[in-house]
Amino acid sequence: MSRIIIFLLGVAGLAVLAGLAGTQELGRAFSRVSPQALSVLFTLQLATLLASAWIWYFLLNRQSGIPFYSVFLVNQAAGLIESLTPSVKLGGEAAKVYLFRQRTGQSYQDLAGTLLVHKFITMAPFVVLCLVLVLPALFMFDLPVYFYLSLGALTALCAGLGLLCYGKNGKTEKDKSQKSLPGPKAPGGLEPLKKAASRIALFLQQSRLSASRLLSTRQTLATMFVSLTIWVFYPVKVYLACTFLGLDVHPIIICLATLFAYMVSMVPLLPGGLGTYEGSMALFFTLGGLTPAEGLAVALLSRLTTFWFPLLISAMSCLALSRTSSLLPRQTSR
């Protein structure tokens, strides 16, 4: 229930933004968008969802067999949890691990390693794209300081994830087995904490080993290229949204506004980045000469394509999966 309330707060925030920007101006802007234009945007988004599911399908089939249809359903069903959870996709990723374990039989350690690789493969191209675009923007626009702060934090996070997945491990199977052996007992009530810390450390170590062995260098670069293509399609969809709304915006502004909006929406404030994505994009578009109402119209049309339309598919995927299995682990009473 609390997640639904937070989700509704995000929707209320959008209503406030619309009121501040001017509902009449927004209505006039949206009146220019035809059903054919929406079908083009929805088709591109569906292609993006299929490509995103393919990355998971490729990674999972390195160690087990699972049909693409099942991967797509799980990926979309977990997307519903991501959209209702104010986190950096942590709730949805946990659901993916649980559901993929049901369908592949892989251990949680192996699936956690696959998750680490997936996160790095999908995040690294995004960071590279941001860094490439920010270079010409330095000489063309006066970018806000929080753009650079967000980009710096995201770059550091991506570098840490890469080291976690592919850094020098320095551990052998012998080391792992020794680590699992009982050591000297800690005094008093610290013993349970020590055991829990040891189990967590061993789990992370095994996940790192699984991640480092999952893909070859060639396979990693190939999947990164697919991920880069997916990210490139997001500014393309925003460009088409601007075109369908009859707005002329510099392409670099479109790219920066799109990527910056996604960076800000990753901060765990509201579910799915509701309000933060739209507000950030609208604010950034004012740098390109648009009015707040025009910038918000682009952001809302973009979110209709990349958030609300996938949310509908996610809901249908949840219904399909719930007929065969539980979507989340059952809590056992103690």
Protein backbone atom coordinates (compact mmCIF):
# COMPACT_ATOMS: atom_id res chain seq x y z
CA MET A 1 0.00 0.00 0.00
CA SER A 2 2.83 2.43 0.80
CA ARG A 3 4.29 1.94 -2.67
CA ILE A 4 0.95 2.79 -4.25
CA ILE A 5 0.74 5.94 -2.13
CA ILE A 6 4.23 7.04 -3.17
CA PHE A 7 3.36 6.28 -6.79
CA LEU A 8 0.24 8.46 -6.50
CA LEU A 9 2.37 11.23 -4.99
CA GLY A 10 4.54 11.09 -8.10
CA VAL A 11 1.44 11.40 -10.29
CA ALA A 12 0.28 14.33 -8.16
CA GLY A 13 3.68 15.96 -8.68
CA LEU A 14 3.16 15.68 -12.44
CA ALA A 15 -0.22 17.36 -12.08
CA VAL A 16 1.42 20.23 -10.19
CA LEU A 17 4.06 20.61 -12.90
CA ALA A 18 1.34 20.66 -15.56
CA GLY A 19 -0.55 23.33 -13.62
CA LEU A 20 2.54 25.50 -13.26
CA ALA A 21 3.42 25.17 -16.94
CA GLY A 22 -0.12 25.88 -18.10
CA THR A 23 -2.67 23.21 -18.91
CA GLN A 24 -4.07 25.13 -21.89
CA GLU A 25 -0.65 25.45 -23.51
CA LEU A 26 -0.01 21.76 -22.90
CA GLY A 27 -3.36 20.90 -24.45
CA ARG A 28 -2.58 22.93 -27.58
CA ALA A 29 0.81 21.22 -27.87
CA PHE A 30 -0.63 17.71 -27.57
CA SER A 31 -3.36 18.48 -30.11
CA ARG A 32 -0.65 18.42 -32.79
CA VAL A 33 0.24 14.78 -32.07
CA SER A 34 -1.60 12.35 -34.34
CA PRO A 35 -2.40 8.67 -33.61
CA GLN A 36 0.06 7.73 -36.36
CA ALA A 37 2.82 9.62 -34.54
CA LEU A 38 2.03 7.75 -31.32
CA SER A 39 2.13 4.42 -33.15
CA VAL A 40 5.62 5.24 -34.43
CA LEU A 41 6.85 6.06 -30.92
CA PHE A 42 5.24 2.96 -29.41
CA THR A 43 6.77 0.73 -32.12
CA LEU A 44 10.23 2.11 -31.41
CA GLN A 45 9.72 1.57 -27.68
CA LEU A 46 8.57 -2.01 -28.21
CA ALA A 47 11.75 -2.64 -30.24
CA THR A 48 13.73 -1.19 -27.32
CA LEU A 49 12.01 -3.53 -24.85
CA LEU A 50 12.74 -6.54 -27.04
CA ALA A 51 16.41 -5.55 -27.35
CA SER A 52 16.68 -5.07 -23.58
CA ALA A 53 15.20 -8.52 -22.99
CA TRP A 54 17.62 -9.98 -25.53
CA ILE A 55 20.61 -8.85 -23.41
CA TRP A 56 19.24 -10.79 -20.45
CA TYR A 57 18.48 -13.75 -22.72
CA PHE A 58 22.06 -13.78 -24.03
CA LEU A 59 23.59 -13.59 -20.55
CA LEU A 60 21.36 -16.26 -19.02
CA ASN A 61 21.95 -18.71 -21.84
CA ARG A 62 25.69 -18.71 -21.17
CA GLN A 63 25.00 -21.08 -18.27
CA SER A 64 21.49 -22.45 -18.83
CA GLY A 65 18.65 -22.60 -21.30
CA ILE A 66 15.61 -20.35 -21.08
CA PRO A 67 13.29 -19.30 -23.93
CA PHE A 68 13.24 -15.67 -25.03
CA TYR A 69 9.50 -15.41 -24.36
CA SER A 70 10.05 -16.23 -20.67
CA VAL A 71 12.91 -13.75 -20.40
CA PHE A 72 10.76 -11.00 -21.91
CA LEU A 73 7.88 -11.69 -19.52
CA VAL A 74 10.16 -11.73 -16.46
CA ASN A 75 11.98 -8.58 -17.55
CA GLN A 76 8.70 -6.72 -18.04
CA ALA A 77 7.04 -8.05 -14.90
CA ALA A 78 10.02 -6.87 -12.84
CA GLY A 79 9.66 -3.52 -14.58
CA LEU A 80 6.32 -3.07 -12.81
CA ILE A 81 8.07 -3.44 -9.44
CA GLU A 82 10.74 -0.97 -10.57
CA SER A 83 8.05 1.53 -11.53
CA LEU A 84 6.34 1.26 -8.13
CA THR A 85 9.52 1.33 -6.04
CA PRO A 86 11.46 4.56 -5.31
CA SER A 87 14.87 2.98 -5.78
CA VAL A 88 17.55 2.58 -8.40
CA LYS A 89 15.79 -0.50 -9.81
CA LEU A 90 16.77 -2.59 -6.79
CA GLY A 91 13.30 -3.97 -6.21
CA GLY A 92 12.90 -5.03 -9.82
CA GLU A 93 16.36 -6.59 -10.00
CA ALA A 94 15.68 -8.72 -6.92
CA ALA A 95 12.46 -9.91 -8.53
CA LYS A 96 14.36 -10.81 -11.71
CA VAL A 97 16.87 -12.90 -9.78
CA TYR A 98 14.08 -14.75 -7.98
CA LEU A 99 12.03 -15.37 -11.14
CA PHE A 100 15.02 -16.33 -13.27
CA ARG A 101 16.10 -18.82 -10.61
CA GLN A 102 12.68 -20.46 -10.86
CA ARG A 103 13.06 -20.86 -14.61
CA THR A 104 16.76 -21.64 -14.99
CA GLY A 105 17.66 -23.50 -11.80
CA GLN A 106 20.85 -21.42 -11.45
CA SER A 107 22.15 -20.60 -8.00
CA TYR A 108 21.61 -17.19 -6.48
CA GLN A 109 25.37 -16.62 -6.62
CA ASP A 110 25.50 -17.22 -10.38
CA LEU A 111 22.44 -15.06 -11.00
CA ALA A 112 23.89 -12.29 -8.84
CA GLY A 113 27.04 -12.45 -10.96
CA THR A 114 24.92 -12.24 -14.11
CA LEU A 115 23.13 -9.24 -12.61
CA LEU A 116 26.45 -7.47 -11.97
CA VAL A 117 27.56 -8.05 -15.55
CA HIS A 118 24.19 -6.88 -16.87
CA LYS A 119 24.36 -3.69 -14.83
CA PHE A 120 27.85 -2.90 -16.07
CA ILE A 121 27.02 -3.70 -19.70
CA THR A 122 23.95 -1.46 -19.65
CA MET A 123 25.47 1.37 -17.61
CA ALA A 124 28.89 1.73 -19.28
CA PRO A 125 27.56 2.71 -22.75
CA PHE A 126 25.26 5.25 -21.11
CA VAL A 127 28.19 6.85 -19.29
CA VAL A 128 30.33 6.87 -22.45
CA LEU A 129 27.50 8.48 -24.41
CA CYS A 130 27.14 11.18 -21.75
CA LEU A 131 30.88 11.89 -21.72
CA VAL A 132 31.01 12.13 -25.52
CA LEU A 133 28.09 14.54 -25.64
CA VAL A 134 29.29 16.75 -22.81
CA LEU A 135 32.50 17.69 -24.68
CA PRO A 136 30.85 19.84 -27.40
CA ALA A 137 28.29 21.07 -24.89
CA LEU A 138 31.08 22.65 -22.82
CA PHE A 139 31.68 25.15 -25.64
CA MET A 140 28.06 25.62 -26.70
CA PHE A 141 25.96 25.86 -23.53
CA ASP A 142 26.21 26.99 -19.94
CA LEU A 143 25.29 23.69 -18.29
CA PRO A 144 24.12 23.66 -14.65
CA VAL A 145 26.64 22.45 -12.09
CA TYR A 146 24.41 19.61 -10.90
CA PHE A 147 24.68 18.10 -14.39
CA TYR A 148 28.42 17.63 -13.88
CA LEU A 149 27.88 16.37 -10.33
CA SER A 150 25.39 13.76 -11.53
CA LEU A 151 27.67 12.71 -14.37
CA GLY A 152 30.66 12.42 -12.04
CA ALA A 153 28.74 10.29 -9.54
CA LEU A 154 27.42 8.02 -12.29
CA THR A 155 30.89 7.64 -13.83
CA ALA A 156 32.39 6.67 -10.46
CA LEU A 157 29.59 4.16 -9.87
CA CYS A 158 30.14 2.60 -13.29
CA ALA A 159 33.91 2.38 -12.74
CA GLY A 160 33.38 0.68 -9.38
CA LEU A 161 30.96 -1.78 -10.95
CA GLY A 162 33.48 -2.57 -13.68
CA LEU A 163 36.19 -3.25 -11.12
CA LEU A 164 33.79 -5.42 -9.17
CA CYS A 165 33.00 -7.52 -12.25
CA TYR A 166 36.33 -7.61 -14.05
CA GLY A 167 38.95 -6.39 -11.60
CA LYS A 168 41.77 -8.61 -10.40
CA ASN A 169 40.12 -11.12 -8.14
CA GLY A 170 43.14 -12.39 -6.25
CA LYS A 171 41.18 -15.31 -4.82
CA THR A 172 41.35 -19.00 -5.66
CA GLU A 173 38.93 -21.81 -5.03
CA LYS A 174 41.15 -22.83 -2.15
CA ASP A 175 40.85 -19.37 -0.67
CA LYS A 176 37.09 -19.56 -0.93
CA SER A 177 36.88 -22.89 0.81
CA GLN A 178 39.18 -21.67 3.56
CA LYS A 179 37.05 -18.59 3.97
CA SER A 180 34.02 -20.74 4.55
CA LEU A 181 35.72 -22.71 7.32
CA PRO A 182 34.82 -21.67 10.88
CA GLY A 183 37.35 -19.37 12.48
CA PRO A 184 37.84 -18.38 16.10
CA LYS A 185 34.61 -17.54 17.85
CA ALA A 186 33.79 -13.92 18.50
CA PRO A 187 32.94 -12.94 22.07
CA GLY A 188 29.37 -12.72 23.28
CA GLY A 189 26.62 -11.65 20.91
CA LEU A 190 29.02 -10.75 18.10
CA GLU A 191 29.22 -14.34 16.89
CA PRO A 192 25.97 -14.20 14.83
CA LEU A 193 27.10 -10.95 13.24
CA LYS A 194 30.46 -12.47 12.34
CA LYS A 195 28.80 -15.50 10.76
CA ALA A 196 26.41 -13.31 8.78
CA ALA A 197 29.29 -11.12 7.55
CA SER A 198 31.24 -14.23 6.51
CA ARG A 199 28.28 -15.61 4.57
CA ILE A 200 27.75 -12.27 2.82
CA ALA A 201 31.44 -11.97 1.95
CA LEU A 202 31.49 -15.53 0.57
CA PHE A 203 28.32 -14.88 -1.45
CA LEU A 204 29.80 -11.72 -2.97
CA GLN A 205 33.07 -13.49 -3.73
CA GLN A 206 31.28 -16.32 -5.52
CA SER A 207 29.16 -13.79 -7.42
CA ARG A 208 32.29 -11.95 -8.54
CA LEU A 209 33.84 -15.19 -9.75
CA SER A 210 30.70 -16.02 -11.68
CA ALA A 211 30.62 -12.53 -13.20
CA SER A 212 34.25 -12.64 -14.31
CA ARG A 213 33.74 -15.97 -16.08
CA LEU A 214 30.43 -15.23 -17.75
CA LEU A 215 31.52 -13.52 -20.98
CA SER A 216 34.59 -13.32 -23.16
CA THR A 217 35.94 -9.92 -24.18
CA ARG A 218 34.35 -10.25 -27.60
CA GLN A 219 30.96 -11.16 -26.13
CA THR A 220 31.17 -8.26 -23.68
CA LEU A 221 31.83 -5.76 -26.47
CA ALA A 222 29.03 -7.21 -28.59
CA THR A 223 26.44 -6.89 -25.83
CA MET A 224 27.71 -3.40 -25.00
CA PHE A 225 27.08 -2.43 -28.62
CA VAL A 226 23.47 -3.61 -28.31
CA SER A 227 23.15 -1.61 -25.08
CA LEU A 228 24.63 1.47 -26.76
CA THR A 229 22.10 1.15 -29.57
CA ILE A 230 19.29 1.01 -27.02
CA TRP A 231 20.50 4.19 -25.33
CA VAL A 232 20.90 5.99 -28.68
CA PHE A 233 17.26 5.24 -29.43
CA TYR A 234 16.10 7.23 -26.39
CA PRO A 235 17.24 10.65 -27.73
CA VAL A 236 15.88 9.59 -31.13
CA LYS A 237 12.44 9.07 -29.58
CA VAL A 238 12.65 12.45 -27.85
CA TYR A 239 13.69 14.04 -31.16
CA LEU A 240 10.63 12.51 -32.81
CA ALA A 241 8.48 13.77 -29.93
CA CYS A 242 9.79 17.30 -30.56
CA THR A 243 9.08 16.91 -34.28
CA PHE A 244 5.54 15.64 -33.73
CA LEU A 245 4.90 18.58 -31.37
CA GLY A 246 6.15 20.99 -34.04
CA LEU A 247 9.18 22.15 -32.03
CA ASP A 248 12.62 22.92 -33.44
CA VAL A 249 15.30 22.03 -30.89
CA HIS A 250 19.08 21.65 -31.30
CA PRO A 251 19.98 17.92 -31.48
CA ILE A 252 22.65 18.24 -28.79
CA ILE A 253 20.12 19.84 -26.43
CA ILE A 254 17.78 16.91 -27.09
CA CYS A 255 20.52 14.38 -26.33
CA LEU A 256 21.69 16.16 -23.19
CA ALA A 257 18.16 16.72 -21.91
CA THR A 258 17.31 13.05 -22.40
CA LEU A 259 20.43 11.65 -20.77
CA PHE A 260 20.37 14.17 -17.92
CA ALA A 261 16.72 13.37 -17.19
CA TYR A 262 17.62 9.69 -16.89
CA MET A 263 20.57 10.48 -14.63
CA VAL A 264 18.37 12.49 -12.27
CA SER A 265 15.56 9.92 -12.33
CA MET A 266 17.98 7.28 -11.03
CA VAL A 267 18.07 9.08 -7.67
CA PRO A 268 15.75 7.11 -5.31
CA LEU A 269 13.14 9.78 -4.62
CA LEU A 270 9.92 8.76 -6.37
CA PRO A 271 8.95 5.53 -8.15
CA GLY A 272 9.98 5.39 -11.78
CA GLY A 273 11.52 8.85 -11.47
CA LEU A 274 8.04 10.38 -11.69
CA GLY A 275 8.30 14.14 -11.56
CA THR A 276 12.11 14.23 -11.41
CA TYR A 277 12.46 13.00 -15.01
CA GLU A 278 9.82 15.34 -16.40
CA GLY A 279 10.97 18.36 -14.38
CA SER A 280 14.64 17.86 -15.27
CA MET A 281 13.92 17.43 -18.97
CA ALA A 282 11.61 20.45 -19.10
CA LEU A 283 14.18 22.57 -17.26
CA PHE A 284 16.96 21.48 -19.59
CA PHE A 285 14.88 22.27 -22.67
CA THR A 286 14.59 25.87 -21.52
CA LEU A 287 18.33 26.10 -22.32
CA GLY A 288 17.35 25.44 -25.93
CA GLY A 289 14.86 28.28 -26.00
CA LEU A 290 11.65 26.39 -25.29
CA THR A 291 9.03 27.66 -22.91
CA PRO A 292 8.39 25.61 -19.73
CA ALA A 293 5.10 24.40 -21.23
CA GLU A 294 6.79 23.27 -24.45
CA GLY A 295 9.59 21.53 -22.55
CA LEU A 296 7.11 19.75 -20.29
CA ALA A 297 5.03 18.70 -23.31
CA VAL A 298 8.08 16.98 -24.79
CA ALA A 299 8.86 15.32 -21.46
CA LEU A 300 5.29 14.08 -21.00
CA LEU A 301 5.08 12.69 -24.54
CA SER A 302 8.45 11.01 -24.01
CA ARG A 303 7.26 9.46 -20.75
CA LEU A 304 4.03 8.28 -22.35
CA THR A 305 6.26 6.33 -24.73
CA THR A 306 9.02 5.13 -22.41
CA PHE A 307 7.19 4.77 -19.06
CA TRP A 308 3.41 4.47 -19.28
CA PHE A 309 3.31 2.29 -22.40
CA PRO A 310 5.91 -0.18 -20.98
CA LEU A 311 4.04 -0.06 -17.66
CA LEU A 312 0.95 -1.41 -19.43
CA ILE A 313 3.01 -4.22 -20.96
CA SER A 314 4.55 -4.90 -17.53
CA ALA A 315 1.11 -5.24 -15.96
CA MET A 316 0.04 -7.74 -18.62
CA SER A 317 3.30 -9.66 -18.14
CA CYS A 318 2.65 -9.84 -14.40
CA LEU A 319 -0.79 -11.30 -15.04
CA ALA A 320 0.68 -13.87 -17.42
CA LEU A 321 3.39 -14.94 -14.97
CA SER A 322 1.14 -14.97 -11.91
CA ARG A 323 -0.88 -17.78 -13.48
CA THR A 324 2.08 -20.14 -13.31
CA SER A 325 4.13 -19.00 -10.30
CA SER A 326 4.45 -16.49 -7.48
CA LEU A 327 6.12 -13.24 -8.51
CA LEU A 328 7.84 -12.73 -5.15
CA PRO A 329 9.11 -15.12 -2.44
CA ARG A 330 6.55 -15.94 0.19
CA GLN A 331 7.37 -14.62 3.63
CA THR A 332 7.47 -17.33 6.25
CA SER A 333 6.25 -16.57 9.74
CA ARG A 334 8.63 -17.30 12.57
